[in-house]
Amino acid sequence: MTEPTHSATLRIKRRKRYKRLAGGSLIGGIVGFVIASFLDQTLLGAFIYWAGFVGMLGVWQFSPVTLSDERDTAIERKASDYTLGVFAIAGVFAIPGLIALEAEGLLTLPAAFDGMALTFVAVFALFGVIYTVLRRQT
């Protein structure tokens, strides 16, 4: 196996630097939002959060190196698959089970439950639509 070239090593270091800058911008926005919210400055916090997000997007779009490679894409795909799988299994069992427990008078669900359940169904319906469209394109 050959030694990595100087330019490849430099490219990796630059990628890490810009990834840290993008992540730091987003984390800074989140932390700014939380701190401003604790100080009862929620609107200011929202602007700080948006600034952090826009900063992250700017680094992502305008950095001189690509911030992800095939390995990152594979990891993201696997993480997405696992996350959707866990939520799908949990939702399939939890939502009807909770509704049944409430119908039997064993549990009182919070008012937000209906919105949460509809959002849950909407996420998976949207996933199904996008999956179907992408599948038909290939």
Protein backbone atom coordinates (compact mmCIF):
# COMPACT_ATOMS: atom_id res chain seq x y z
CA MET A 1 0.00 0.00 0.00
CA THR A 2 1.31 3.46 -0.83
CA GLU A 3 1.68 6.33 1.58
CA PRO A 4 -0.97 9.04 1.33
CA THR A 5 0.12 12.05 -0.64
CA HIS A 6 0.63 15.41 0.97
CA SER A 7 -2.35 16.88 -0.92
CA ALA A 8 -4.66 14.05 0.25
CA THR A 9 -3.60 14.62 3.87
CA LEU A 10 -4.13 18.36 3.48
CA ARG A 11 -7.58 17.78 1.94
CA ILE A 12 -8.60 15.58 4.89
CA LYS A 13 -7.41 18.18 7.39
CA ARG A 14 -9.30 20.92 5.55
CA ARG A 15 -12.44 18.77 5.44
CA LYS A 16 -12.25 18.20 9.20
CA ARG A 17 -11.72 21.92 9.82
CA TYR A 18 -14.75 22.93 7.74
CA LYS A 19 -16.88 20.18 9.28
CA ARG A 20 -15.98 21.51 12.74
CA LEU A 21 -16.79 25.04 11.60
CA ALA A 22 -20.20 23.96 10.26
CA GLY A 23 -21.00 21.92 13.36
CA GLY A 24 -19.77 24.67 15.65
CA SER A 25 -21.97 27.19 13.91
CA LEU A 26 -25.05 25.02 14.40
CA ILE A 27 -24.17 24.16 18.00
CA GLY A 28 -23.54 27.85 18.70
CA GLY A 29 -26.98 28.66 17.34
CA ILE A 30 -28.61 25.98 19.49
CA VAL A 31 -26.75 27.04 22.64
CA GLY A 32 -27.59 30.69 21.90
CA PHE A 33 -31.26 29.79 21.57
CA VAL A 34 -31.29 27.89 24.86
CA ILE A 35 -29.47 30.66 26.75
CA ALA A 36 -31.68 33.39 25.27
CA SER A 37 -34.79 31.35 26.12
CA PHE A 38 -33.67 31.05 29.75
CA LEU A 39 -33.24 34.83 29.78
CA ASP A 40 -36.80 35.27 28.40
CA GLN A 41 -35.43 36.50 25.08
CA THR A 42 -36.95 33.77 22.91
CA LEU A 43 -37.23 35.90 19.77
CA LEU A 44 -33.57 36.87 20.02
CA GLY A 45 -32.79 33.19 20.61
CA ALA A 46 -34.65 32.26 17.44
CA PHE A 47 -32.56 34.76 15.46
CA ILE A 48 -29.36 33.39 17.00
CA TYR A 49 -30.46 29.85 16.12
CA TRP A 50 -31.28 30.85 12.55
CA ALA A 51 -27.92 32.62 12.23
CA GLY A 52 -26.16 29.45 13.37
CA PHE A 53 -28.14 27.38 10.87
CA VAL A 54 -27.46 29.82 8.03
CA GLY A 55 -23.77 29.81 9.01
CA MET A 56 -23.73 26.01 8.82
CA LEU A 57 -25.42 26.09 5.41
CA GLY A 58 -22.92 28.69 4.22
CA VAL A 59 -19.96 26.57 5.24
CA TRP A 60 -21.57 23.50 3.68
CA GLN A 61 -22.27 25.24 0.37
CA PHE A 62 -19.23 27.48 0.01
CA SER A 63 -16.35 25.59 1.59
CA PRO A 64 -13.55 24.81 -0.87
CA VAL A 65 -13.73 21.10 -0.01
CA THR A 66 -16.62 18.65 0.07
CA LEU A 67 -17.65 17.99 3.65
CA SER A 68 -18.74 14.39 3.17
CA ASP A 69 -17.61 11.39 1.21
CA GLU A 70 -19.00 7.94 0.39
CA ARG A 71 -18.23 6.67 3.89
CA ASP A 72 -20.21 9.52 5.48
CA THR A 73 -23.11 8.86 3.10
CA ALA A 74 -23.13 5.16 4.00
CA ILE A 75 -23.09 5.94 7.73
CA GLU A 76 -25.94 8.46 7.33
CA ARG A 77 -27.98 5.93 5.37
CA LYS A 78 -27.47 3.25 8.02
CA ALA A 79 -28.32 5.68 10.85
CA SER A 80 -31.49 6.76 9.00
CA ASP A 81 -32.51 3.14 8.42
CA TYR A 82 -32.03 2.26 12.08
CA THR A 83 -33.83 5.38 13.29
CA LEU A 84 -36.84 4.87 11.03
CA GLY A 85 -36.92 1.19 11.95
CA VAL A 86 -36.94 1.85 15.68
CA PHE A 87 -39.67 4.47 15.39
CA ALA A 88 -41.73 2.30 13.05
CA ILE A 89 -41.65 -0.68 15.41
CA ALA A 90 -42.30 1.50 18.47
CA GLY A 91 -45.19 3.29 16.73
CA VAL A 92 -46.81 0.13 15.45
CA PHE A 93 -47.03 -1.22 18.98
CA ALA A 94 -47.32 1.94 21.08
CA ILE A 95 -49.98 4.01 19.30
CA PRO A 96 -52.73 1.35 19.08
CA GLY A 97 -51.78 0.04 22.53
CA LEU A 98 -52.10 3.47 24.12
CA ILE A 99 -55.42 4.09 22.36
CA ALA A 100 -56.71 0.73 23.62
CA LEU A 101 -55.58 1.47 27.19
CA GLU A 102 -57.39 4.80 27.08
CA ALA A 103 -60.55 3.19 25.64
CA GLU A 104 -60.54 0.74 28.56
CA GLY A 105 -60.21 3.58 31.04
CA LEU A 106 -56.78 2.44 32.23
CA LEU A 107 -54.94 5.49 30.98
CA THR A 108 -55.64 9.10 30.11
CA LEU A 109 -53.64 10.32 27.15
CA PRO A 110 -52.46 13.93 27.05
CA ALA A 111 -54.14 16.32 24.62
CA ALA A 112 -50.98 16.38 22.48
CA PHE A 113 -51.23 12.64 21.77
CA ASP A 114 -53.49 13.02 18.72
CA GLY A 115 -51.16 15.57 17.13
CA MET A 116 -48.15 13.39 17.88
CA ALA A 117 -49.81 10.32 16.39
CA LEU A 118 -50.86 12.21 13.26
CA THR A 119 -47.36 13.64 12.86
CA PHE A 120 -45.93 10.16 13.26
CA VAL A 121 -48.22 8.77 10.56
CA ALA A 122 -47.48 11.78 8.31
CA VAL A 123 -43.71 11.22 8.56
CA PHE A 124 -44.02 7.61 7.47
CA ALA A 125 -46.56 8.46 4.76
CA LEU A 126 -44.17 11.10 3.40
CA PHE A 127 -41.33 8.57 3.53
CA GLY A 128 -43.47 6.12 1.55
CA VAL A 129 -44.31 8.71 -1.10
CA ILE A 130 -40.70 9.84 -1.49
CA TYR A 131 -39.48 6.24 -1.56
CA THR A 132 -42.01 5.34 -4.26
CA VAL A 133 -41.08 8.35 -6.40
CA LEU A 134 -37.35 7.63 -6.10
CA ARG A 135 -37.85 3.96 -6.81
CA ARG A 136 -39.79 4.69 -9.99
CA GLN A 137 -37.07 7.06 -11.20
CA THR A 138 -34.43 4.32 -11.20
